[in-house]
Amino acid sequence: MRETEEQAKIAAAARILERNRLIARVAIARKGGARVVFANGCFDLLHVGHVRYLEAAKGLGDLLVVGVNSDEQVRRLKGEGRPFVPERERAEVIASLRAVDYVTVFHEPTVTELLLALRPDIHAKGTDYTEDSVPERDVVRSFGGRVQIVGDPKDHSSTEIFGRVNGE
């Protein structure tokens, strides 16, 4: 039986959790022996680089949790006029990907607080980082987690796609 559009939307929305509910779900999964992987990003205009990054992150464990930067934080990181897509819609798009188990929107400037709350086994970052350049590496190591670089080379970006669309 094929999932209807409405069922798909409901299923994706059910995987978008506020922090306390997410912490509880991760704890239950971990009790069941799941290896928890955490990935994060703005995910403003979804592109193949994002999909490859998240698919590779999921391959590292059993449960993939994705943190999506809030609209305010995307503006701080990317500048005025961003994000192109509101946070709730970006979260729903990410939650609809088969590799993703849960999504949460975070409002802090970094994922440090979220990492400390979830304590994932692996913090997956894209290839625009090295293990030594990941800003949260010491936080992750402090609770026994590890940082893993995944995905394909960073030759895709929402900014670049938008520039092409605008003829820049």
N, C-alpha and C. Protein backbone atom coordinates (compact mmCIF):
# COMPACT_ATOMS: atom_id res chain seq x y z
N MET A 1 0.84 -1.18 0.00
CA MET A 1 0.00 0.00 0.00
C MET A 1 0.88 1.24 0.00
N ARG A 2 0.66 2.13 -0.95
CA ARG A 2 1.47 3.36 -1.05
C ARG A 2 1.01 4.38 -0.03
N GLU A 3 1.99 5.04 0.53
CA GLU A 3 1.73 6.09 1.50
C GLU A 3 1.16 7.31 0.77
N THR A 4 0.10 7.88 1.28
CA THR A 4 -0.45 9.09 0.67
C THR A 4 0.44 10.27 1.03
N GLU A 5 0.25 11.35 0.29
CA GLU A 5 1.02 12.57 0.58
C GLU A 5 0.78 13.04 2.01
N GLU A 6 -0.46 13.00 2.43
CA GLU A 6 -0.81 13.44 3.78
C GLU A 6 -0.16 12.54 4.83
N GLN A 7 -0.16 11.24 4.61
CA GLN A 7 0.48 10.31 5.54
C GLN A 7 1.98 10.57 5.62
N ALA A 8 2.59 10.84 4.48
CA ALA A 8 4.02 11.13 4.45
C ALA A 8 4.33 12.40 5.24
N LYS A 9 3.50 13.41 5.08
CA LYS A 9 3.69 14.68 5.80
C LYS A 9 3.56 14.46 7.31
N ILE A 10 2.57 13.68 7.70
CA ILE A 10 2.36 13.40 9.13
C ILE A 10 3.53 12.60 9.68
N ALA A 11 3.99 11.61 8.92
CA ALA A 11 5.12 10.78 9.37
C ALA A 11 6.37 11.63 9.55
N ALA A 12 6.64 12.52 8.61
CA ALA A 12 7.83 13.38 8.73
C ALA A 12 7.68 14.31 9.93
N ALA A 13 6.51 14.91 10.10
CA ALA A 13 6.28 15.83 11.21
C ALA A 13 6.45 15.12 12.56
N ALA A 14 6.08 13.85 12.63
CA ALA A 14 6.20 13.09 13.87
C ALA A 14 7.66 12.85 14.26
N ARG A 15 8.57 12.98 13.32
CA ARG A 15 9.99 12.79 13.61
C ARG A 15 10.69 14.09 13.98
N ILE A 16 9.95 15.20 13.97
CA ILE A 16 10.50 16.49 14.39
C ILE A 16 10.12 16.68 15.85
N LEU A 17 11.11 16.69 16.72
CA LEU A 17 10.84 16.71 18.15
C LEU A 17 11.49 17.89 18.83
N GLU A 18 10.81 18.40 19.86
CA GLU A 18 11.45 19.40 20.70
C GLU A 18 12.45 18.66 21.59
N ARG A 19 13.36 19.40 22.17
CA ARG A 19 14.54 18.80 22.82
C ARG A 19 14.22 17.76 23.88
N ASN A 20 13.31 18.05 24.79
CA ASN A 20 13.05 17.09 25.88
C ASN A 20 12.49 15.77 25.36
N ARG A 21 11.59 15.81 24.39
CA ARG A 21 11.06 14.58 23.81
C ARG A 21 12.17 13.83 23.07
N LEU A 22 13.03 14.58 22.39
CA LEU A 22 14.14 13.95 21.67
C LEU A 22 15.09 13.25 22.65
N ILE A 23 15.42 13.91 23.74
CA ILE A 23 16.31 13.31 24.74
C ILE A 23 15.72 12.00 25.23
N ALA A 24 14.41 11.98 25.49
CA ALA A 24 13.75 10.76 25.97
C ALA A 24 13.81 9.66 24.91
N ARG A 25 13.53 9.99 23.65
CA ARG A 25 13.56 8.98 22.58
C ARG A 25 14.97 8.41 22.38
N VAL A 26 15.96 9.28 22.45
CA VAL A 26 17.35 8.83 22.30
C VAL A 26 17.72 7.91 23.47
N ALA A 27 17.30 8.25 24.67
CA ALA A 27 17.59 7.41 25.84
C ALA A 27 16.97 6.03 25.69
N ILE A 28 15.74 5.97 25.20
CA ILE A 28 15.06 4.69 24.98
C ILE A 28 15.82 3.86 23.94
N ALA A 29 16.21 4.51 22.84
CA ALA A 29 16.94 3.81 21.78
C ALA A 29 18.28 3.29 22.30
N ARG A 30 18.96 4.12 23.08
CA ARG A 30 20.26 3.72 23.62
C ARG A 30 20.10 2.53 24.58
N LYS A 31 19.03 2.53 25.38
CA LYS A 31 18.77 1.40 26.29
C LYS A 31 18.58 0.11 25.50
N GLY A 32 18.04 0.25 24.29
CA GLY A 32 17.84 -0.90 23.42
C GLY A 32 19.09 -1.28 22.65
N GLY A 33 20.20 -0.61 22.93
CA GLY A 33 21.48 -0.95 22.31
C GLY A 33 21.81 -0.17 21.05
N ALA A 34 21.03 0.85 20.72
CA ALA A 34 21.28 1.61 19.49
C ALA A 34 22.52 2.49 19.62
N ARG A 35 23.29 2.54 18.53
CA ARG A 35 24.41 3.47 18.43
C ARG A 35 23.83 4.76 17.84
N VAL A 36 23.98 5.86 18.56
CA VAL A 36 23.36 7.14 18.18
C VAL A 36 24.37 8.01 17.43
N VAL A 37 23.93 8.50 16.28
CA VAL A 37 24.75 9.40 15.45
C VAL A 37 24.02 10.73 15.39
N PHE A 38 24.78 11.81 15.49
CA PHE A 38 24.23 13.16 15.40
C PHE A 38 24.89 13.89 14.24
N ALA A 39 24.09 14.58 13.46
CA ALA A 39 24.58 15.44 12.37
C ALA A 39 23.83 16.75 12.47
N ASN A 40 24.38 17.80 11.90
CA ASN A 40 23.68 19.08 11.97
C ASN A 40 24.03 19.96 10.77
N GLY A 41 23.19 20.97 10.57
CA GLY A 41 23.43 21.92 9.50
C GLY A 41 22.26 22.86 9.30
N CYS A 42 22.44 23.78 8.36
CA CYS A 42 21.37 24.74 8.01
C CYS A 42 20.36 24.09 7.07
N PHE A 43 20.84 23.32 6.10
CA PHE A 43 20.00 22.62 5.14
C PHE A 43 18.99 23.57 4.49
N ASP A 44 19.50 24.71 4.01
CA ASP A 44 18.61 25.75 3.50
C ASP A 44 17.96 25.36 2.18
N LEU A 45 18.74 25.02 1.19
CA LEU A 45 18.21 24.47 -0.06
C LEU A 45 18.79 23.07 -0.15
N LEU A 46 17.96 22.07 0.03
CA LEU A 46 18.45 20.69 0.04
C LEU A 46 19.11 20.36 -1.30
N HIS A 47 20.30 19.77 -1.24
CA HIS A 47 21.01 19.36 -2.45
C HIS A 47 21.68 18.01 -2.21
N VAL A 48 22.26 17.46 -3.25
CA VAL A 48 22.83 16.12 -3.19
C VAL A 48 23.93 16.00 -2.13
N GLY A 49 24.66 17.05 -1.89
CA GLY A 49 25.69 17.01 -0.84
C GLY A 49 25.08 16.75 0.53
N HIS A 50 23.93 17.37 0.81
CA HIS A 50 23.24 17.13 2.07
C HIS A 50 22.80 15.67 2.17
N VAL A 51 22.20 15.16 1.11
CA VAL A 51 21.69 13.79 1.11
C VAL A 51 22.84 12.81 1.33
N ARG A 52 23.94 13.01 0.63
CA ARG A 52 25.10 12.11 0.77
C ARG A 52 25.69 12.17 2.18
N TYR A 53 25.74 13.36 2.74
CA TYR A 53 26.24 13.55 4.11
C TYR A 53 25.36 12.79 5.10
N LEU A 54 24.05 12.93 4.99
CA LEU A 54 23.15 12.28 5.94
C LEU A 54 23.09 10.77 5.73
N GLU A 55 23.15 10.31 4.49
CA GLU A 55 23.20 8.87 4.23
C GLU A 55 24.47 8.27 4.84
N ALA A 56 25.58 8.94 4.66
CA ALA A 56 26.85 8.44 5.22
C ALA A 56 26.82 8.47 6.74
N ALA A 57 26.22 9.52 7.32
CA ALA A 57 26.10 9.60 8.77
C ALA A 57 25.27 8.44 9.30
N LYS A 58 24.17 8.14 8.66
CA LYS A 58 23.31 7.02 9.09
C LYS A 58 24.08 5.71 9.05
N GLY A 59 24.97 5.56 8.09
CA GLY A 59 25.76 4.35 7.97
C GLY A 59 26.69 4.10 9.14
N LEU A 60 26.89 5.09 9.99
CA LEU A 60 27.78 4.96 11.14
C LEU A 60 27.10 4.37 12.37
N GLY A 61 25.78 4.28 12.35
CA GLY A 61 25.08 3.82 13.54
C GLY A 61 23.68 3.34 13.25
N ASP A 62 22.89 3.32 14.31
CA ASP A 62 21.53 2.80 14.23
C ASP A 62 20.46 3.88 14.21
N LEU A 63 20.73 5.00 14.85
CA LEU A 63 19.76 6.07 14.99
C LEU A 63 20.43 7.38 14.59
N LEU A 64 19.88 8.05 13.57
CA LEU A 64 20.44 9.33 13.14
C LEU A 64 19.53 10.46 13.58
N VAL A 65 20.11 11.35 14.38
CA VAL A 65 19.44 12.56 14.86
C VAL A 65 20.08 13.73 14.13
N VAL A 66 19.24 14.61 13.58
CA VAL A 66 19.75 15.77 12.85
C VAL A 66 19.29 17.06 13.52
N GLY A 67 20.26 17.92 13.83
CA GLY A 67 19.97 19.24 14.35
C GLY A 67 19.95 20.24 13.20
N VAL A 68 18.87 21.01 13.11
CA VAL A 68 18.72 22.03 12.07
C VAL A 68 18.83 23.40 12.73
N ASN A 69 19.72 24.23 12.19
CA ASN A 69 19.87 25.59 12.73
C ASN A 69 18.58 26.37 12.60
N SER A 70 18.23 27.12 13.65
CA SER A 70 17.04 27.98 13.62
C SER A 70 17.23 29.09 12.58
N ASP A 71 16.13 29.71 12.21
CA ASP A 71 16.19 30.81 11.25
C ASP A 71 17.15 31.91 11.71
N GLU A 72 17.07 32.26 12.98
CA GLU A 72 17.93 33.32 13.52
C GLU A 72 19.41 32.95 13.38
N GLN A 73 19.75 31.70 13.67
CA GLN A 73 21.15 31.28 13.58
C GLN A 73 21.61 31.20 12.13
N VAL A 74 20.73 30.80 11.22
CA VAL A 74 21.11 30.78 9.80
C VAL A 74 21.42 32.20 9.35
N ARG A 75 20.61 33.17 9.76
CA ARG A 75 20.86 34.58 9.40
C ARG A 75 22.22 35.02 9.92
N ARG A 76 22.55 34.64 11.15
CA ARG A 76 23.85 35.01 11.72
C ARG A 76 25.01 34.36 10.95
N LEU A 77 24.81 33.12 10.53
CA LEU A 77 25.87 32.40 9.82
C LEU A 77 25.99 32.81 8.36
N LYS A 78 24.86 32.99 7.69
CA LYS A 78 24.84 33.16 6.23
C LYS A 78 24.54 34.58 5.78
N GLY A 79 23.99 35.42 6.68
CA GLY A 79 23.71 36.80 6.33
C GLY A 79 22.23 37.08 6.10
N GLU A 80 21.95 38.37 5.95
CA GLU A 80 20.57 38.80 5.70
C GLU A 80 20.04 38.16 4.43
N GLY A 81 18.74 37.92 4.39
CA GLY A 81 18.14 37.28 3.24
C GLY A 81 18.14 35.76 3.35
N ARG A 82 18.76 35.25 4.38
CA ARG A 82 18.79 33.81 4.62
C ARG A 82 18.08 33.54 5.93
N PRO A 83 17.50 32.42 6.16
CA PRO A 83 17.43 31.32 5.21
C PRO A 83 16.40 31.60 4.11
N PHE A 84 16.51 30.83 3.04
CA PHE A 84 15.53 30.92 1.96
C PHE A 84 14.25 30.19 2.37
N VAL A 85 14.40 29.16 3.18
CA VAL A 85 13.29 28.30 3.60
C VAL A 85 13.17 28.37 5.12
N PRO A 86 11.96 28.57 5.67
CA PRO A 86 11.79 28.66 7.12
C PRO A 86 12.19 27.37 7.84
N GLU A 87 12.59 27.51 9.09
CA GLU A 87 13.12 26.38 9.87
C GLU A 87 12.17 25.18 9.93
N ARG A 88 10.89 25.42 10.12
CA ARG A 88 9.96 24.29 10.23
C ARG A 88 9.90 23.50 8.92
N GLU A 89 9.94 24.20 7.80
CA GLU A 89 9.92 23.52 6.50
C GLU A 89 11.25 22.80 6.25
N ARG A 90 12.36 23.42 6.62
CA ARG A 90 13.67 22.74 6.46
C ARG A 90 13.69 21.48 7.30
N ALA A 91 13.16 21.56 8.52
CA ALA A 91 13.12 20.38 9.39
C ALA A 91 12.25 19.28 8.79
N GLU A 92 11.11 19.65 8.20
CA GLU A 92 10.23 18.65 7.60
C GLU A 92 10.88 17.97 6.40
N VAL A 93 11.58 18.74 5.59
CA VAL A 93 12.28 18.16 4.44
C VAL A 93 13.33 17.16 4.92
N ILE A 94 14.12 17.53 5.92
CA ILE A 94 15.15 16.63 6.44
C ILE A 94 14.51 15.39 7.07
N ALA A 95 13.42 15.58 7.80
CA ALA A 95 12.73 14.45 8.44
C ALA A 95 12.15 13.48 7.43
N SER A 96 11.91 13.94 6.22
CA SER A 96 11.33 13.06 5.20
C SER A 96 12.36 12.15 4.53
N LEU A 97 13.64 12.39 4.77
CA LEU A 97 14.69 11.56 4.18
C LEU A 97 14.76 10.22 4.89
N ARG A 98 14.94 9.15 4.13
CA ARG A 98 14.92 7.80 4.72
C ARG A 98 16.03 7.57 5.73
N ALA A 99 17.14 8.25 5.61
CA ALA A 99 18.26 8.04 6.52
C ALA A 99 18.02 8.66 7.90
N VAL A 100 17.10 9.59 7.99
CA VAL A 100 16.93 10.40 9.20
C VAL A 100 15.85 9.81 10.11
N ASP A 101 16.20 9.64 11.38
CA ASP A 101 15.24 9.13 12.35
C ASP A 101 14.53 10.25 13.09
N TYR A 102 15.28 11.23 13.57
CA TYR A 102 14.69 12.36 14.30
C TYR A 102 15.36 13.65 13.90
N VAL A 103 14.60 14.73 14.00
CA VAL A 103 15.09 16.08 13.70
C VAL A 103 14.68 16.99 14.84
N THR A 104 15.55 17.93 15.15
CA THR A 104 15.20 18.98 16.09
C THR A 104 15.79 20.28 15.58
N VAL A 105 15.12 21.38 15.87
CA VAL A 105 15.63 22.70 15.52
C VAL A 105 16.33 23.23 16.77
N PHE A 106 17.56 23.71 16.60
CA PHE A 106 18.27 24.27 17.75
C PHE A 106 18.47 25.77 17.53
N HIS A 107 18.37 26.50 18.65
CA HIS A 107 18.37 27.96 18.59
C HIS A 107 19.67 28.59 19.09
N GLU A 108 20.55 27.78 19.65
CA GLU A 108 21.83 28.29 20.15
C GLU A 108 22.79 28.51 18.98
N PRO A 109 23.81 29.34 19.18
CA PRO A 109 24.78 29.59 18.10
C PRO A 109 25.59 28.36 17.69
N THR A 110 25.76 27.40 18.61
CA THR A 110 26.48 26.17 18.29
C THR A 110 25.65 24.98 18.77
N VAL A 111 26.07 23.78 18.40
CA VAL A 111 25.35 22.57 18.81
C VAL A 111 25.85 22.02 20.14
N THR A 112 26.72 22.74 20.82
CA THR A 112 27.31 22.24 22.07
C THR A 112 26.26 21.78 23.06
N GLU A 113 25.26 22.62 23.36
CA GLU A 113 24.24 22.25 24.36
C GLU A 113 23.47 21.01 23.93
N LEU A 114 23.16 20.94 22.65
CA LEU A 114 22.42 19.78 22.13
C LEU A 114 23.27 18.52 22.23
N LEU A 115 24.54 18.62 21.90
CA LEU A 115 25.44 17.47 22.03
C LEU A 115 25.53 17.00 23.48
N LEU A 116 25.64 17.94 24.40
CA LEU A 116 25.72 17.58 25.82
C LEU A 116 24.43 16.94 26.30
N ALA A 117 23.29 17.36 25.75
CA ALA A 117 22.01 16.79 26.15
C ALA A 117 21.81 15.38 25.57
N LEU A 118 22.24 15.17 24.34
CA LEU A 118 22.02 13.89 23.65
C LEU A 118 23.14 12.89 23.85
N ARG A 119 24.37 13.39 23.99
CA ARG A 119 25.55 12.54 24.16
C ARG A 119 25.63 11.43 23.10
N PRO A 120 25.64 11.81 21.83
CA PRO A 120 25.68 10.79 20.78
C PRO A 120 27.00 10.03 20.79
N ASP A 121 26.95 8.81 20.29
CA ASP A 121 28.17 8.02 20.18
C ASP A 121 29.09 8.63 19.13
N ILE A 122 28.47 9.18 18.07
CA ILE A 122 29.24 9.75 16.96
C ILE A 122 28.63 11.08 16.55
N HIS A 123 29.49 12.06 16.38
CA HIS A 123 29.09 13.36 15.85
C HIS A 123 29.63 13.42 14.42
N ALA A 124 28.74 13.29 13.45
CA ALA A 124 29.14 13.26 12.04
C ALA A 124 29.19 14.69 11.48
N LYS A 125 30.28 15.01 10.83
CA LYS A 125 30.43 16.32 10.19
C LYS A 125 30.82 16.11 8.74
N GLY A 126 30.53 17.10 7.91
CA GLY A 126 30.83 17.03 6.48
C GLY A 126 32.29 17.24 6.17
N THR A 127 32.63 17.02 4.91
CA THR A 127 34.02 17.04 4.47
C THR A 127 34.62 18.44 4.38
N ASP A 128 33.85 19.46 4.72
CA ASP A 128 34.45 20.79 4.82
C ASP A 128 35.19 20.93 6.15
N TYR A 129 35.16 19.88 6.96
CA TYR A 129 35.89 19.83 8.23
C TYR A 129 36.92 18.71 8.18
N THR A 130 37.86 18.78 9.13
CA THR A 130 38.70 17.63 9.46
C THR A 130 38.36 17.32 10.91
N GLU A 131 38.75 16.15 11.39
CA GLU A 131 38.43 15.82 12.78
C GLU A 131 38.99 16.86 13.74
N ASP A 132 40.13 17.45 13.41
CA ASP A 132 40.74 18.44 14.29
C ASP A 132 40.11 19.83 14.16
N SER A 133 39.38 20.10 13.08
CA SER A 133 38.79 21.43 12.92
C SER A 133 37.32 21.50 13.35
N VAL A 134 36.74 20.39 13.76
CA VAL A 134 35.34 20.40 14.22
C VAL A 134 35.29 21.18 15.53
N PRO A 135 34.53 22.28 15.57
CA PRO A 135 34.52 23.13 16.77
C PRO A 135 34.10 22.39 18.05
N GLU A 136 33.23 21.41 17.92
CA GLU A 136 32.70 20.72 19.10
C GLU A 136 33.46 19.45 19.45
N ARG A 137 34.60 19.21 18.84
CA ARG A 137 35.32 17.94 19.04
C ARG A 137 35.63 17.67 20.51
N ASP A 138 36.05 18.68 21.26
CA ASP A 138 36.40 18.45 22.66
C ASP A 138 35.16 18.14 23.49
N VAL A 139 34.05 18.77 23.17
CA VAL A 139 32.79 18.49 23.86
C VAL A 139 32.39 17.04 23.63
N VAL A 140 32.46 16.59 22.38
CA VAL A 140 32.08 15.22 22.03
C VAL A 140 33.00 14.23 22.75
N ARG A 141 34.26 14.50 22.75
CA ARG A 141 35.22 13.60 23.42
C ARG A 141 35.01 13.58 24.93
N SER A 142 34.51 14.70 25.50
CA SER A 142 34.32 14.79 26.95
C SER A 142 33.33 13.76 27.48
N PHE A 143 32.39 13.32 26.67
CA PHE A 143 31.43 12.30 27.13
C PHE A 143 31.67 10.94 26.45
N GLY A 144 32.85 10.78 25.85
CA GLY A 144 33.22 9.49 25.29
C GLY A 144 32.78 9.26 23.86
N GLY A 145 32.26 10.30 23.22
CA GLY A 145 31.87 10.17 21.81
C GLY A 145 33.05 10.39 20.90
N ARG A 146 32.81 10.23 19.61
CA ARG A 146 33.87 10.51 18.64
C ARG A 146 33.31 11.30 17.47
N VAL A 147 34.18 12.02 16.83
CA VAL A 147 33.83 12.80 15.64
C VAL A 147 34.22 11.98 14.42
N GLN A 148 33.36 11.99 13.42
CA GLN A 148 33.63 11.27 12.17
C GLN A 148 33.28 12.18 11.00
N ILE A 149 34.19 12.30 10.05
CA ILE A 149 33.96 13.10 8.84
C ILE A 149 33.34 12.19 7.79
N VAL A 150 32.22 12.63 7.21
CA VAL A 150 31.49 11.80 6.24
C VAL A 150 30.96 12.64 5.08
N GLY A 151 30.60 11.95 4.02
CA GLY A 151 30.00 12.61 2.87
C GLY A 151 30.98 12.76 1.74
N ASP A 152 30.51 13.39 0.67
CA ASP A 152 31.39 13.59 -0.48
C ASP A 152 32.09 14.94 -0.38
N PRO A 153 33.04 15.22 -1.26
CA PRO A 153 33.74 16.50 -1.18
C PRO A 153 32.77 17.68 -1.22
N LYS A 154 33.11 18.72 -0.48
CA LYS A 154 32.23 19.88 -0.35
C LYS A 154 32.28 20.70 -1.63
N ASP A 155 31.57 20.24 -2.66
CA ASP A 155 31.50 21.03 -3.89
C ASP A 155 30.05 21.32 -4.27
N HIS A 156 29.18 21.33 -3.25
CA HIS A 156 27.79 21.72 -3.42
C HIS A 156 27.47 22.69 -2.28
N SER A 157 26.68 23.72 -2.56
CA SER A 157 26.25 24.59 -1.48
C SER A 157 24.97 25.31 -1.89
N SER A 158 24.14 25.59 -0.89
CA SER A 158 22.90 26.33 -1.13
C SER A 158 23.21 27.72 -1.69
N THR A 159 24.25 28.35 -1.15
CA THR A 159 24.63 29.69 -1.60
C THR A 159 25.00 29.67 -3.08
N GLU A 160 25.77 28.66 -3.47
CA GLU A 160 26.19 28.55 -4.87
C GLU A 160 24.99 28.27 -5.79
N ILE A 161 24.08 27.42 -5.34
CA ILE A 161 22.88 27.12 -6.14
C ILE A 161 22.05 28.38 -6.32
N PHE A 162 21.86 29.12 -5.23
CA PHE A 162 21.09 30.36 -5.32
C PHE A 162 21.75 31.36 -6.26
N GLY A 163 23.06 31.43 -6.21
CA GLY A 163 23.80 32.32 -7.11
C GLY A 163 23.58 31.96 -8.58
N ARG A 164 23.60 30.67 -8.88
CA ARG A 164 23.35 30.22 -10.25
C ARG A 164 21.94 30.57 -10.70
N VAL A 165 20.98 30.37 -9.82
CA VAL A 165 19.58 30.68 -10.16
C VAL A 165 19.43 32.16 -10.45
N ASN A 166 20.15 32.99 -9.72
CA ASN A 166 20.08 34.44 -9.89
C ASN A 166 21.01 34.96 -10.99
N GLY A 167 21.69 34.06 -11.69
CA GLY A 167 22.59 34.48 -12.77
C GLY A 167 23.88 35.09 -12.30
N GLU A 168 24.27 34.81 -11.08
CA GLU A 168 25.52 35.37 -10.54
C GLU A 168 26.71 34.52 -10.93
